[in-house]
Amino acid sequence: MTERTIQILQTLDEKGYGIRDLINLIEEITTLEKEKLKTTQISSEATKGKNLEIRVSNILLNLGMQTNLKGFKYCKDAICIFYQADSQTMPFVGFLYPEVARKNNVTSTQVERTIRHAIENIFNTTNFEQLYEFFGTNSFSKKGKPTNSEFITAVVERMRMEDL
């Protein structure tokens, strides 16, 4: 034991605290510290989630997606979910759309259609150079516009490359 610890124990003993009281006090302090750490971790995770949403919103805005479209929110949710997922091969129809639908209290079909409309809107209104600058390619589907999965995957890959 350190000299400081001995002094504290002597002071507590003089004030009438017994060994059992000291053990209880130590356990209470340990519990409080663990709760404080959990709260800090939860707060940190919430902040990370908000920062991710802000980052995705900025990307979508820079690409020209209109915020008044429902597809903006659904697309943002899908990108955040896909970005946080461990797997690159997440099934869009089987997992991603149902997850976004559940979060927004709509159907998977509505999510897919609304995201498609928002992406088409980008490619119909934003200038080609700006899109080429972000995606670095125009080799999407045969129509020259990306499918939902191509768009979401491309945005997530771009974000991951920026993280390196």
N, C-alpha and C. Protein backbone atom coordinates (compact mmCIF):
# COMPACT_ATOMS: atom_id res chain seq x y z
N MET A 1 0.84 -1.19 0.00
CA MET A 1 0.00 0.00 0.00
C MET A 1 0.87 1.24 0.00
N THR A 2 0.37 2.25 -0.69
CA THR A 2 1.10 3.50 -0.70
C THR A 2 0.90 4.24 0.60
N GLU A 3 1.76 5.17 0.86
CA GLU A 3 1.66 5.97 2.09
C GLU A 3 0.35 6.75 2.12
N ARG A 4 -0.07 7.22 0.96
CA ARG A 4 -1.32 7.99 0.86
C ARG A 4 -2.51 7.11 1.21
N THR A 5 -2.52 5.88 0.73
CA THR A 5 -3.60 4.94 1.03
C THR A 5 -3.67 4.65 2.52
N ILE A 6 -2.52 4.46 3.14
CA ILE A 6 -2.47 4.21 4.59
C ILE A 6 -3.04 5.40 5.35
N GLN A 7 -2.69 6.62 4.94
CA GLN A 7 -3.21 7.82 5.60
C GLN A 7 -4.74 7.89 5.49
N ILE A 8 -5.25 7.57 4.32
CA ILE A 8 -6.70 7.60 4.13
C ILE A 8 -7.38 6.57 5.02
N LEU A 9 -6.82 5.36 5.06
CA LEU A 9 -7.40 4.31 5.90
C LEU A 9 -7.36 4.70 7.38
N GLN A 10 -6.26 5.31 7.83
CA GLN A 10 -6.16 5.74 9.23
C GLN A 10 -7.20 6.81 9.54
N THR A 11 -7.38 7.74 8.62
CA THR A 11 -8.37 8.81 8.81
C THR A 11 -9.77 8.23 8.89
N LEU A 12 -10.09 7.30 8.00
CA LEU A 12 -11.40 6.68 8.02
C LEU A 12 -11.61 5.87 9.30
N ASP A 13 -10.57 5.19 9.76
CA ASP A 13 -10.65 4.40 10.99
C ASP A 13 -10.91 5.31 12.19
N GLU A 14 -10.24 6.47 12.20
CA GLU A 14 -10.43 7.43 13.29
C GLU A 14 -11.86 7.98 13.30
N LYS A 15 -12.48 8.06 12.12
CA LYS A 15 -13.84 8.58 12.03
C LYS A 15 -14.89 7.49 12.29
N GLY A 16 -14.44 6.30 12.59
CA GLY A 16 -15.36 5.24 12.97
C GLY A 16 -15.82 4.34 11.85
N TYR A 17 -15.19 4.44 10.69
CA TYR A 17 -15.56 3.54 9.60
C TYR A 17 -14.87 2.20 9.80
N GLY A 18 -15.64 1.11 9.65
CA GLY A 18 -15.06 -0.22 9.77
C GLY A 18 -14.62 -0.73 8.41
N ILE A 19 -13.98 -1.87 8.40
CA ILE A 19 -13.50 -2.48 7.17
C ILE A 19 -14.68 -2.75 6.21
N ARG A 20 -15.78 -3.26 6.76
CA ARG A 20 -16.94 -3.55 5.92
C ARG A 20 -17.43 -2.27 5.24
N ASP A 21 -17.44 -1.15 5.97
CA ASP A 21 -17.84 0.13 5.40
C ASP A 21 -16.91 0.53 4.26
N LEU A 22 -15.62 0.29 4.42
CA LEU A 22 -14.66 0.63 3.38
C LEU A 22 -14.89 -0.20 2.12
N ILE A 23 -15.14 -1.48 2.32
CA ILE A 23 -15.39 -2.36 1.18
C ILE A 23 -16.66 -1.90 0.44
N ASN A 24 -17.71 -1.59 1.19
CA ASN A 24 -18.95 -1.09 0.57
C ASN A 24 -18.71 0.21 -0.18
N LEU A 25 -17.91 1.09 0.39
CA LEU A 25 -17.60 2.36 -0.25
C LEU A 25 -16.84 2.14 -1.56
N ILE A 26 -15.87 1.25 -1.53
CA ILE A 26 -15.08 0.94 -2.73
C ILE A 26 -15.98 0.34 -3.81
N GLU A 27 -16.87 -0.57 -3.42
CA GLU A 27 -17.79 -1.18 -4.38
C GLU A 27 -18.73 -0.14 -4.98
N GLU A 28 -19.20 0.79 -4.15
CA GLU A 28 -20.10 1.84 -4.64
C GLU A 28 -19.37 2.76 -5.63
N ILE A 29 -18.14 3.11 -5.30
CA ILE A 29 -17.35 3.97 -6.20
C ILE A 29 -17.09 3.25 -7.52
N THR A 30 -16.75 1.97 -7.46
CA THR A 30 -16.50 1.18 -8.66
C THR A 30 -17.74 1.11 -9.54
N THR A 31 -18.90 0.88 -8.92
CA THR A 31 -20.15 0.82 -9.66
C THR A 31 -20.45 2.16 -10.33
N LEU A 32 -20.27 3.25 -9.60
CA LEU A 32 -20.51 4.58 -10.17
C LEU A 32 -19.57 4.86 -11.34
N GLU A 33 -18.32 4.47 -11.23
CA GLU A 33 -17.36 4.67 -12.32
C GLU A 33 -17.75 3.86 -13.55
N LYS A 34 -18.22 2.62 -13.36
CA LYS A 34 -18.64 1.79 -14.48
C LYS A 34 -19.86 2.40 -15.18
N GLU A 35 -20.82 2.91 -14.39
CA GLU A 35 -22.01 3.55 -14.97
C GLU A 35 -21.62 4.80 -15.75
N LYS A 36 -20.68 5.56 -15.21
CA LYS A 36 -20.21 6.77 -15.88
C LYS A 36 -19.55 6.40 -17.21
N LEU A 37 -18.76 5.33 -17.22
CA LEU A 37 -18.11 4.87 -18.44
C LEU A 37 -19.14 4.43 -19.48
N LYS A 38 -20.19 3.68 -19.04
CA LYS A 38 -21.24 3.24 -19.96
C LYS A 38 -21.95 4.44 -20.57
N THR A 39 -22.29 5.42 -19.73
CA THR A 39 -22.97 6.62 -20.22
C THR A 39 -22.11 7.35 -21.23
N THR A 40 -20.82 7.43 -20.98
CA THR A 40 -19.90 8.09 -21.90
C THR A 40 -19.84 7.34 -23.22
N GLN A 41 -19.81 6.00 -23.16
CA GLN A 41 -19.75 5.20 -24.38
C GLN A 41 -21.03 5.34 -25.19
N ILE A 42 -22.19 5.32 -24.53
CA ILE A 42 -23.46 5.48 -25.22
C ILE A 42 -23.53 6.85 -25.88
N SER A 43 -23.11 7.87 -25.15
CA SER A 43 -23.10 9.24 -25.68
C SER A 43 -22.16 9.33 -26.88
N SER A 44 -21.00 8.68 -26.78
CA SER A 44 -20.04 8.70 -27.87
C SER A 44 -20.60 8.01 -29.12
N GLU A 45 -21.30 6.89 -28.93
CA GLU A 45 -21.90 6.18 -30.06
C GLU A 45 -23.00 7.01 -30.70
N ALA A 46 -23.79 7.71 -29.89
CA ALA A 46 -24.84 8.57 -30.43
C ALA A 46 -24.23 9.71 -31.25
N THR A 47 -23.13 10.26 -30.76
CA THR A 47 -22.45 11.34 -31.47
C THR A 47 -21.90 10.83 -32.79
N LYS A 48 -21.31 9.63 -32.77
CA LYS A 48 -20.80 9.04 -34.02
C LYS A 48 -21.91 8.86 -35.03
N GLY A 49 -23.07 8.37 -34.56
CA GLY A 49 -24.22 8.17 -35.44
C GLY A 49 -24.70 9.48 -36.04
N LYS A 50 -24.77 10.52 -35.23
CA LYS A 50 -25.19 11.84 -35.73
C LYS A 50 -24.18 12.38 -36.73
N ASN A 51 -22.89 12.23 -36.43
CA ASN A 51 -21.85 12.69 -37.36
C ASN A 51 -21.94 11.96 -38.69
N LEU A 52 -22.24 10.67 -38.64
CA LEU A 52 -22.38 9.90 -39.87
C LEU A 52 -23.57 10.41 -40.68
N GLU A 53 -24.69 10.66 -40.00
CA GLU A 53 -25.87 11.19 -40.69
C GLU A 53 -25.58 12.54 -41.34
N ILE A 54 -24.87 13.38 -40.63
CA ILE A 54 -24.51 14.70 -41.17
C ILE A 54 -23.61 14.54 -42.38
N ARG A 55 -22.65 13.64 -42.28
CA ARG A 55 -21.72 13.40 -43.39
C ARG A 55 -22.47 12.90 -44.63
N VAL A 56 -23.38 11.95 -44.43
CA VAL A 56 -24.15 11.42 -45.56
C VAL A 56 -25.06 12.50 -46.13
N SER A 57 -25.69 13.28 -45.28
CA SER A 57 -26.55 14.38 -45.76
C SER A 57 -25.75 15.34 -46.63
N ASN A 58 -24.56 15.69 -46.18
CA ASN A 58 -23.72 16.60 -46.97
C ASN A 58 -23.37 16.02 -48.33
N ILE A 59 -23.07 14.74 -48.38
CA ILE A 59 -22.75 14.09 -49.65
C ILE A 59 -23.96 14.14 -50.58
N LEU A 60 -25.13 13.78 -50.06
CA LEU A 60 -26.33 13.78 -50.89
C LEU A 60 -26.68 15.19 -51.37
N LEU A 61 -26.52 16.17 -50.50
CA LEU A 61 -26.78 17.56 -50.90
C LEU A 61 -25.80 18.01 -51.98
N ASN A 62 -24.53 17.66 -51.81
CA ASN A 62 -23.52 18.03 -52.81
C ASN A 62 -23.77 17.36 -54.16
N LEU A 63 -24.38 16.19 -54.13
CA LEU A 63 -24.72 15.51 -55.38
C LEU A 63 -25.97 16.09 -56.02
N GLY A 64 -26.70 16.90 -55.26
CA GLY A 64 -27.89 17.54 -55.82
C GLY A 64 -29.20 16.89 -55.44
N MET A 65 -29.20 15.98 -54.46
CA MET A 65 -30.45 15.36 -54.04
C MET A 65 -31.26 16.39 -53.26
N GLN A 66 -32.53 16.47 -53.58
CA GLN A 66 -33.40 17.45 -52.95
C GLN A 66 -33.91 16.93 -51.61
N THR A 67 -33.80 17.76 -50.58
CA THR A 67 -34.19 17.34 -49.23
C THR A 67 -35.69 17.19 -49.07
N ASN A 68 -36.47 17.78 -49.96
CA ASN A 68 -37.92 17.67 -49.83
C ASN A 68 -38.45 16.33 -50.33
N LEU A 69 -37.60 15.52 -50.91
CA LEU A 69 -38.00 14.19 -51.36
C LEU A 69 -37.88 13.20 -50.21
N LYS A 70 -38.87 12.31 -50.06
CA LYS A 70 -38.77 11.27 -49.03
C LYS A 70 -37.55 10.39 -49.27
N GLY A 71 -37.19 10.25 -50.53
CA GLY A 71 -36.04 9.44 -50.89
C GLY A 71 -34.76 9.94 -50.27
N PHE A 72 -34.68 11.22 -49.97
CA PHE A 72 -33.49 11.77 -49.31
C PHE A 72 -33.28 11.07 -47.97
N LYS A 73 -34.33 11.02 -47.15
CA LYS A 73 -34.22 10.39 -45.83
C LYS A 73 -33.99 8.89 -45.96
N TYR A 74 -34.73 8.24 -46.85
CA TYR A 74 -34.57 6.79 -46.99
C TYR A 74 -33.17 6.45 -47.51
N CYS A 75 -32.69 7.24 -48.44
CA CYS A 75 -31.36 7.02 -49.00
C CYS A 75 -30.30 7.24 -47.92
N LYS A 76 -30.47 8.29 -47.14
CA LYS A 76 -29.54 8.57 -46.05
C LYS A 76 -29.53 7.42 -45.05
N ASP A 77 -30.70 6.93 -44.68
CA ASP A 77 -30.80 5.80 -43.76
C ASP A 77 -30.11 4.57 -44.34
N ALA A 78 -30.37 4.28 -45.61
CA ALA A 78 -29.79 3.10 -46.25
C ALA A 78 -28.28 3.19 -46.30
N ILE A 79 -27.76 4.36 -46.64
CA ILE A 79 -26.31 4.54 -46.70
C ILE A 79 -25.68 4.37 -45.32
N CYS A 80 -26.31 4.94 -44.30
CA CYS A 80 -25.79 4.81 -42.93
C CYS A 80 -25.78 3.35 -42.48
N ILE A 81 -26.86 2.64 -42.74
CA ILE A 81 -26.95 1.22 -42.36
C ILE A 81 -25.89 0.41 -43.10
N PHE A 82 -25.77 0.63 -44.41
CA PHE A 82 -24.81 -0.12 -45.22
C PHE A 82 -23.39 0.21 -44.81
N TYR A 83 -23.12 1.48 -44.50
CA TYR A 83 -21.78 1.91 -44.08
C TYR A 83 -21.38 1.24 -42.77
N GLN A 84 -22.32 1.11 -41.86
CA GLN A 84 -22.02 0.53 -40.55
C GLN A 84 -21.99 -0.99 -40.57
N ALA A 85 -22.49 -1.61 -41.62
CA ALA A 85 -22.53 -3.07 -41.72
C ALA A 85 -21.13 -3.61 -41.98
N ASP A 86 -20.87 -4.79 -41.47
CA ASP A 86 -19.58 -5.43 -41.67
C ASP A 86 -19.44 -5.99 -43.07
N SER A 87 -20.53 -6.43 -43.65
CA SER A 87 -20.49 -7.14 -44.93
C SER A 87 -20.69 -6.20 -46.10
N GLN A 88 -19.94 -6.42 -47.15
CA GLN A 88 -20.10 -5.69 -48.39
C GLN A 88 -21.15 -6.34 -49.27
N THR A 89 -21.58 -7.53 -48.90
CA THR A 89 -22.52 -8.27 -49.73
C THR A 89 -23.90 -8.33 -49.10
N MET A 90 -24.27 -7.29 -48.36
CA MET A 90 -25.58 -7.23 -47.73
C MET A 90 -26.66 -7.24 -48.80
N PRO A 91 -27.64 -8.13 -48.67
CA PRO A 91 -28.72 -8.14 -49.65
C PRO A 91 -29.61 -6.91 -49.49
N PHE A 92 -29.75 -6.13 -50.55
CA PHE A 92 -30.54 -4.91 -50.48
C PHE A 92 -32.02 -5.22 -50.27
N VAL A 93 -32.54 -6.10 -51.13
CA VAL A 93 -33.97 -6.39 -51.07
C VAL A 93 -34.30 -7.17 -49.79
N GLY A 94 -33.44 -8.10 -49.41
CA GLY A 94 -33.73 -8.96 -48.27
C GLY A 94 -33.44 -8.35 -46.91
N PHE A 95 -32.56 -7.36 -46.84
CA PHE A 95 -32.23 -6.80 -45.54
C PHE A 95 -32.31 -5.27 -45.51
N LEU A 96 -31.64 -4.62 -46.43
CA LEU A 96 -31.50 -3.16 -46.34
C LEU A 96 -32.84 -2.44 -46.48
N TYR A 97 -33.60 -2.74 -47.52
CA TYR A 97 -34.89 -2.08 -47.70
C TYR A 97 -35.85 -2.37 -46.54
N PRO A 98 -35.96 -3.62 -46.09
CA PRO A 98 -36.84 -3.87 -44.94
C PRO A 98 -36.39 -3.13 -43.67
N GLU A 99 -35.09 -2.99 -43.49
CA GLU A 99 -34.58 -2.28 -42.32
C GLU A 99 -34.94 -0.79 -42.39
N VAL A 100 -34.75 -0.18 -43.55
CA VAL A 100 -35.11 1.23 -43.73
C VAL A 100 -36.63 1.39 -43.60
N ALA A 101 -37.38 0.44 -44.17
CA ALA A 101 -38.84 0.49 -44.09
C ALA A 101 -39.31 0.41 -42.64
N ARG A 102 -38.73 -0.49 -41.87
CA ARG A 102 -39.10 -0.63 -40.46
C ARG A 102 -38.82 0.66 -39.71
N LYS A 103 -37.68 1.25 -39.98
CA LYS A 103 -37.28 2.48 -39.30
C LYS A 103 -38.23 3.64 -39.61
N ASN A 104 -38.79 3.63 -40.82
CA ASN A 104 -39.65 4.74 -41.26
C ASN A 104 -41.13 4.38 -41.32
N ASN A 105 -41.47 3.18 -40.89
CA ASN A 105 -42.86 2.74 -40.82
C ASN A 105 -43.55 2.77 -42.20
N VAL A 106 -42.85 2.23 -43.21
CA VAL A 106 -43.38 2.11 -44.56
C VAL A 106 -43.04 0.72 -45.08
N THR A 107 -43.40 0.42 -46.32
CA THR A 107 -43.09 -0.89 -46.88
C THR A 107 -41.74 -0.87 -47.60
N SER A 108 -41.16 -2.03 -47.80
CA SER A 108 -39.90 -2.16 -48.53
C SER A 108 -40.05 -1.65 -49.97
N THR A 109 -41.19 -1.93 -50.56
CA THR A 109 -41.45 -1.48 -51.94
C THR A 109 -41.44 0.04 -52.02
N GLN A 110 -42.05 0.69 -51.04
CA GLN A 110 -42.05 2.16 -51.01
C GLN A 110 -40.63 2.69 -50.88
N VAL A 111 -39.83 2.05 -50.04
CA VAL A 111 -38.44 2.48 -49.85
C VAL A 111 -37.69 2.37 -51.17
N GLU A 112 -37.79 1.22 -51.83
CA GLU A 112 -37.06 1.00 -53.09
C GLU A 112 -37.48 2.02 -54.15
N ARG A 113 -38.76 2.22 -54.31
CA ARG A 113 -39.28 3.13 -55.34
C ARG A 113 -38.89 4.58 -55.03
N THR A 114 -38.98 4.96 -53.78
CA THR A 114 -38.68 6.34 -53.39
C THR A 114 -37.20 6.66 -53.54
N ILE A 115 -36.34 5.71 -53.18
CA ILE A 115 -34.90 5.91 -53.36
C ILE A 115 -34.59 6.01 -54.85
N ARG A 116 -35.21 5.14 -55.66
CA ARG A 116 -34.98 5.16 -57.11
C ARG A 116 -35.36 6.52 -57.69
N HIS A 117 -36.49 7.05 -57.26
CA HIS A 117 -36.94 8.36 -57.75
C HIS A 117 -35.94 9.46 -57.37
N ALA A 118 -35.45 9.43 -56.14
CA ALA A 118 -34.50 10.45 -55.68
C ALA A 118 -33.19 10.38 -56.47
N ILE A 119 -32.73 9.16 -56.76
CA ILE A 119 -31.49 8.99 -57.54
C ILE A 119 -31.70 9.46 -58.97
N GLU A 120 -32.83 9.10 -59.56
CA GLU A 120 -33.13 9.56 -60.92
C GLU A 120 -33.18 11.07 -60.98
N ASN A 121 -33.73 11.68 -59.93
CA ASN A 121 -33.82 13.13 -59.86
C ASN A 121 -32.43 13.76 -59.88
N ILE A 122 -31.48 13.16 -59.15
CA ILE A 122 -30.10 13.66 -59.15
C ILE A 122 -29.54 13.63 -60.57
N PHE A 123 -29.69 12.50 -61.23
CA PHE A 123 -29.08 12.32 -62.55
C PHE A 123 -29.81 13.10 -63.65
N ASN A 124 -31.01 13.54 -63.37
CA ASN A 124 -31.74 14.37 -64.34
C ASN A 124 -31.48 15.86 -64.14
N THR A 125 -31.06 16.27 -62.93
CA THR A 125 -30.93 17.70 -62.65
C THR A 125 -29.50 18.18 -62.39
N THR A 126 -28.61 17.30 -61.96
CA THR A 126 -27.24 17.70 -61.63
C THR A 126 -26.36 17.59 -62.86
N ASN A 127 -25.40 18.51 -62.98
CA ASN A 127 -24.56 18.47 -64.18
C ASN A 127 -23.62 17.26 -64.14
N PHE A 128 -23.34 16.76 -65.33
CA PHE A 128 -22.57 15.54 -65.50
C PHE A 128 -21.18 15.64 -64.88
N GLU A 129 -20.50 16.78 -65.01
CA GLU A 129 -19.15 16.94 -64.48
C GLU A 129 -19.11 16.74 -62.97
N GLN A 130 -20.11 17.29 -62.30
CA GLN A 130 -20.17 17.16 -60.85
C GLN A 130 -20.35 15.70 -60.43
N LEU A 131 -21.19 14.98 -61.14
CA LEU A 131 -21.40 13.57 -60.85
C LEU A 131 -20.15 12.75 -61.17
N TYR A 132 -19.52 13.05 -62.30
CA TYR A 132 -18.31 12.33 -62.70
C TYR A 132 -17.20 12.58 -61.68
N GLU A 133 -17.13 13.82 -61.17
CA GLU A 133 -16.11 14.15 -60.18
C GLU A 133 -16.28 13.32 -58.91
N PHE A 134 -17.53 13.12 -58.50
CA PHE A 134 -17.77 12.34 -57.28
C PHE A 134 -17.58 10.85 -57.52
N PHE A 135 -18.22 10.31 -58.55
CA PHE A 135 -18.20 8.87 -58.78
C PHE A 135 -16.98 8.41 -59.56
N GLY A 136 -16.39 9.28 -60.35
CA GLY A 136 -15.20 8.93 -61.10
C GLY A 136 -15.49 8.00 -62.27
N THR A 137 -16.73 7.79 -62.58
CA THR A 137 -17.10 6.90 -63.68
C THR A 137 -18.50 7.23 -64.16
N ASN A 138 -18.80 6.82 -65.34
CA ASN A 138 -20.18 6.91 -65.81
C ASN A 138 -20.65 5.54 -66.26
N SER A 139 -19.97 4.51 -65.81
CA SER A 139 -20.29 3.16 -66.24
C SER A 139 -21.25 2.49 -65.26
N PHE A 140 -22.38 3.12 -65.06
CA PHE A 140 -23.41 2.51 -64.23
C PHE A 140 -24.24 1.59 -65.12
N SER A 141 -25.47 1.44 -64.80
CA SER A 141 -26.32 0.55 -65.59
C SER A 141 -26.48 1.07 -67.02
N LYS A 142 -27.15 0.30 -67.82
CA LYS A 142 -27.28 0.61 -69.25
C LYS A 142 -27.94 1.97 -69.51
N LYS A 143 -28.75 2.44 -68.57
CA LYS A 143 -29.46 3.70 -68.76
C LYS A 143 -28.58 4.92 -68.45
N GLY A 144 -27.37 4.69 -67.97
CA GLY A 144 -26.50 5.81 -67.62
C GLY A 144 -26.73 6.32 -66.21
N LYS A 145 -27.72 5.78 -65.54
CA LYS A 145 -28.00 6.13 -64.15
C LYS A 145 -27.74 4.88 -63.32
N PRO A 146 -27.27 5.05 -62.12
CA PRO A 146 -27.02 3.86 -61.30
C PRO A 146 -28.32 3.27 -60.75
N THR A 147 -28.29 1.99 -60.52
CA THR A 147 -29.39 1.37 -59.79
C THR A 147 -29.26 1.81 -58.34
N ASN A 148 -30.25 1.53 -57.53
CA ASN A 148 -30.18 1.90 -56.11
C ASN A 148 -28.94 1.29 -55.45
N SER A 149 -28.73 0.00 -55.71
CA SER A 149 -27.60 -0.67 -55.06
C SER A 149 -26.27 -0.12 -55.57
N GLU A 150 -26.18 0.21 -56.86
CA GLU A 150 -24.94 0.80 -57.39
C GLU A 150 -24.67 2.16 -56.74
N PHE A 151 -25.71 2.96 -56.61
CA PHE A 151 -25.56 4.29 -56.03
C PHE A 151 -25.13 4.21 -54.56
N ILE A 152 -25.86 3.43 -53.78
CA ILE A 152 -25.56 3.32 -52.34
C ILE A 152 -24.17 2.73 -52.14
N THR A 153 -23.84 1.68 -52.88
CA THR A 153 -22.52 1.07 -52.76
C THR A 153 -21.42 2.06 -53.15
N ALA A 154 -21.64 2.83 -54.21
CA ALA A 154 -20.63 3.80 -54.65
C ALA A 154 -20.41 4.88 -53.59
N VAL A 155 -21.48 5.37 -52.99
CA VAL A 155 -21.35 6.40 -51.95
C VAL A 155 -20.61 5.83 -50.74
N VAL A 156 -20.98 4.64 -50.33
CA VAL A 156 -20.33 4.02 -49.16
C VAL A 156 -18.85 3.77 -49.44
N GLU A 157 -18.54 3.26 -50.63
CA GLU A 157 -17.13 3.02 -50.98
C GLU A 157 -16.33 4.32 -50.98
N ARG A 158 -16.93 5.37 -51.50
CA ARG A 158 -16.27 6.68 -51.49
C ARG A 158 -16.00 7.14 -50.06
N MET A 159 -16.98 6.95 -49.18
CA MET A 159 -16.81 7.32 -47.78
C MET A 159 -15.69 6.51 -47.12
N ARG A 160 -15.66 5.23 -47.41
CA ARG A 160 -14.63 4.35 -46.82
C ARG A 160 -13.25 4.71 -47.33
N MET A 161 -13.16 5.11 -48.60
CA MET A 161 -11.87 5.53 -49.15
C MET A 161 -11.41 6.82 -48.48
N GLU A 162 -12.33 7.72 -48.20
CA GLU A 162 -11.99 8.97 -47.51
C GLU A 162 -11.53 8.70 -46.08
N ASP A 163 -12.01 7.60 -45.49
CA ASP A 163 -11.64 7.26 -44.11
C ASP A 163 -10.20 6.78 -44.00
N LEU A 164 -9.66 6.29 -45.10
CA LEU A 164 -8.29 5.74 -45.07
C LEU A 164 -7.25 6.82 -44.91
